[in-house]
Amino acid sequence: MSRLEIILSATLTLSVIINIGVFVYARYAIVQLLSVSEELGDLQQMINSFAEHLNSIYELDMFYGDETISSLREHALSFNEQLATFEYIYSLTEEGEALVHDDTDTEEEDEEA
């Protein structure tokens, strides 16, 4: 092998190793992002549920007009609105799940026909 072939082989090997490393890192980063996206979506659902529950308690005759529950309800709604600004993150997994559900629905319809 000539010196040029050795240099080209070493460069190719180094390039392949770096490309594999970048691919593995990108895959890891995407998995982490999707995990965070799912967790934020779950948090959003829990806060929605909590705000609805507080609202239903506040509307009961026994607690209607209670300042503490009213303040807590307003705080929950404010927190919910603030979390809605991150919708672009947790909607990543919701769109993917919708596509998966659409595909399974289409397959089930095909089987029925």
Protein backbone atom coordinates (compact mmCIF):
# COMPACT_ATOMS: atom_id res chain seq x y z
CA MET A 1 0.00 0.00 0.00
CA SER A 2 1.21 3.41 -0.82
CA ARG A 3 1.31 6.25 1.64
CA LEU A 4 -1.72 7.91 -0.02
CA GLU A 5 -3.79 4.73 0.30
CA ILE A 6 -2.89 4.44 3.98
CA ILE A 7 -3.87 8.07 4.63
CA LEU A 8 -7.15 7.65 2.72
CA SER A 9 -7.95 4.40 4.56
CA ALA A 10 -7.24 6.01 7.94
CA THR A 11 -9.35 9.04 7.04
CA LEU A 12 -12.21 6.83 5.86
CA THR A 13 -12.06 4.74 9.04
CA LEU A 14 -12.00 7.85 11.23
CA SER A 15 -14.90 9.34 9.25
CA VAL A 16 -17.00 6.18 9.62
CA ILE A 17 -16.32 6.08 13.37
CA ILE A 18 -17.27 9.74 13.77
CA ASN A 19 -20.44 9.28 11.70
CA ILE A 20 -21.50 6.29 13.79
CA GLY A 21 -20.84 8.30 16.97
CA VAL A 22 -22.91 11.23 15.69
CA PHE A 23 -25.74 8.87 14.71
CA VAL A 24 -25.76 7.19 18.13
CA TYR A 25 -25.69 10.57 19.91
CA ALA A 26 -28.49 11.99 17.72
CA ARG A 27 -30.63 8.92 18.39
CA TYR A 28 -30.02 9.24 22.14
CA ALA A 29 -30.87 12.97 22.05
CA ILE A 30 -34.11 12.32 20.15
CA VAL A 31 -35.15 9.60 22.61
CA GLN A 32 -34.51 12.00 25.50
CA LEU A 33 -36.49 14.76 23.78
CA LEU A 34 -39.44 12.46 23.18
CA SER A 35 -39.30 11.32 26.80
CA VAL A 36 -39.43 14.92 28.01
CA SER A 37 -42.23 15.60 25.55
CA GLU A 38 -44.32 12.74 26.94
CA GLU A 39 -43.70 13.84 30.52
CA LEU A 40 -44.73 17.43 29.74
CA GLY A 41 -47.88 16.14 28.06
CA ASP A 42 -48.71 14.07 31.14
CA LEU A 43 -48.05 17.08 33.37
CA GLN A 44 -50.38 19.20 31.23
CA GLN A 45 -53.13 16.59 31.55
CA MET A 46 -52.68 16.39 35.33
CA ILE A 47 -52.86 20.16 35.69
CA ASN A 48 -55.98 20.28 33.50
CA SER A 49 -57.57 17.62 35.67
CA PHE A 50 -56.56 19.43 38.86
CA ALA A 51 -57.95 22.76 37.60
CA GLU A 52 -61.24 21.11 36.61
CA HIS A 53 -61.47 19.39 39.99
CA LEU A 54 -60.85 22.67 41.81
CA ASN A 55 -63.44 24.37 39.68
CA SER A 56 -66.02 21.68 40.47
CA ILE A 57 -65.27 22.00 44.20
CA TYR A 58 -65.50 25.78 44.03
CA GLU A 59 -68.93 25.52 42.40
CA LEU A 60 -70.32 23.37 45.24
CA ASP A 61 -72.74 25.22 47.50
CA MET A 62 -70.62 24.46 50.55
CA PHE A 63 -67.48 26.11 49.14
CA TYR A 64 -68.91 28.72 46.75
CA GLY A 65 -67.18 32.05 47.34
CA ASP A 66 -64.35 30.60 49.48
CA GLU A 67 -61.36 32.90 48.98
CA THR A 68 -58.75 30.19 49.49
CA ILE A 69 -60.24 27.86 46.91
CA SER A 70 -60.79 30.78 44.55
CA SER A 71 -57.13 31.78 44.83
CA LEU A 72 -56.00 28.20 44.39
CA ARG A 73 -58.25 27.85 41.34
CA GLU A 74 -56.86 31.01 39.78
CA HIS A 75 -53.32 29.84 40.50
CA ALA A 76 -53.98 26.46 38.85
CA LEU A 77 -55.49 28.13 35.78
CA SER A 78 -52.55 30.52 35.56
CA PHE A 79 -50.08 27.65 35.84
CA ASN A 80 -52.03 25.76 33.18
CA GLU A 81 -51.84 28.75 30.82
CA GLN A 82 -48.09 29.07 31.45
CA LEU A 83 -47.56 25.40 30.69
CA ALA A 84 -49.53 25.79 27.47
CA THR A 85 -46.62 27.85 26.12
CA PHE A 86 -44.68 24.57 25.92
CA GLU A 87 -47.31 22.91 23.76
CA TYR A 88 -44.89 22.73 20.83
CA ILE A 89 -42.77 20.32 22.89
CA TYR A 90 -45.40 17.93 24.19
CA SER A 91 -47.33 17.97 20.93
CA LEU A 92 -44.41 16.09 19.35
CA THR A 93 -45.51 12.82 20.88
CA GLU A 94 -49.24 13.48 20.52
CA GLU A 95 -48.89 13.82 16.73
CA GLY A 96 -46.88 10.60 16.58
CA GLU A 97 -49.46 8.75 18.65
CA ALA A 98 -52.25 10.08 16.43
CA LEU A 99 -50.45 8.76 13.36
CA VAL A 100 -50.01 5.35 14.98
CA HIS A 101 -53.70 5.24 15.93
CA ASP A 102 -54.73 6.27 12.41
CA ASP A 103 -52.59 3.49 10.92
CA THR A 104 -54.09 0.84 13.22
CA ASP A 105 -57.61 2.07 12.49
CA THR A 106 -56.95 1.76 8.75
CA GLU A 107 -55.57 -1.76 9.19
CA GLU A 108 -58.60 -2.80 11.26
CA GLU A 109 -60.97 -1.41 8.64
CA ASP A 110 -59.10 -3.34 5.94
CA GLU A 111 -59.42 -6.57 7.93
CA GLU A 112 -63.16 -6.04 8.43
CA ALA A 113 -63.76 -5.55 4.69
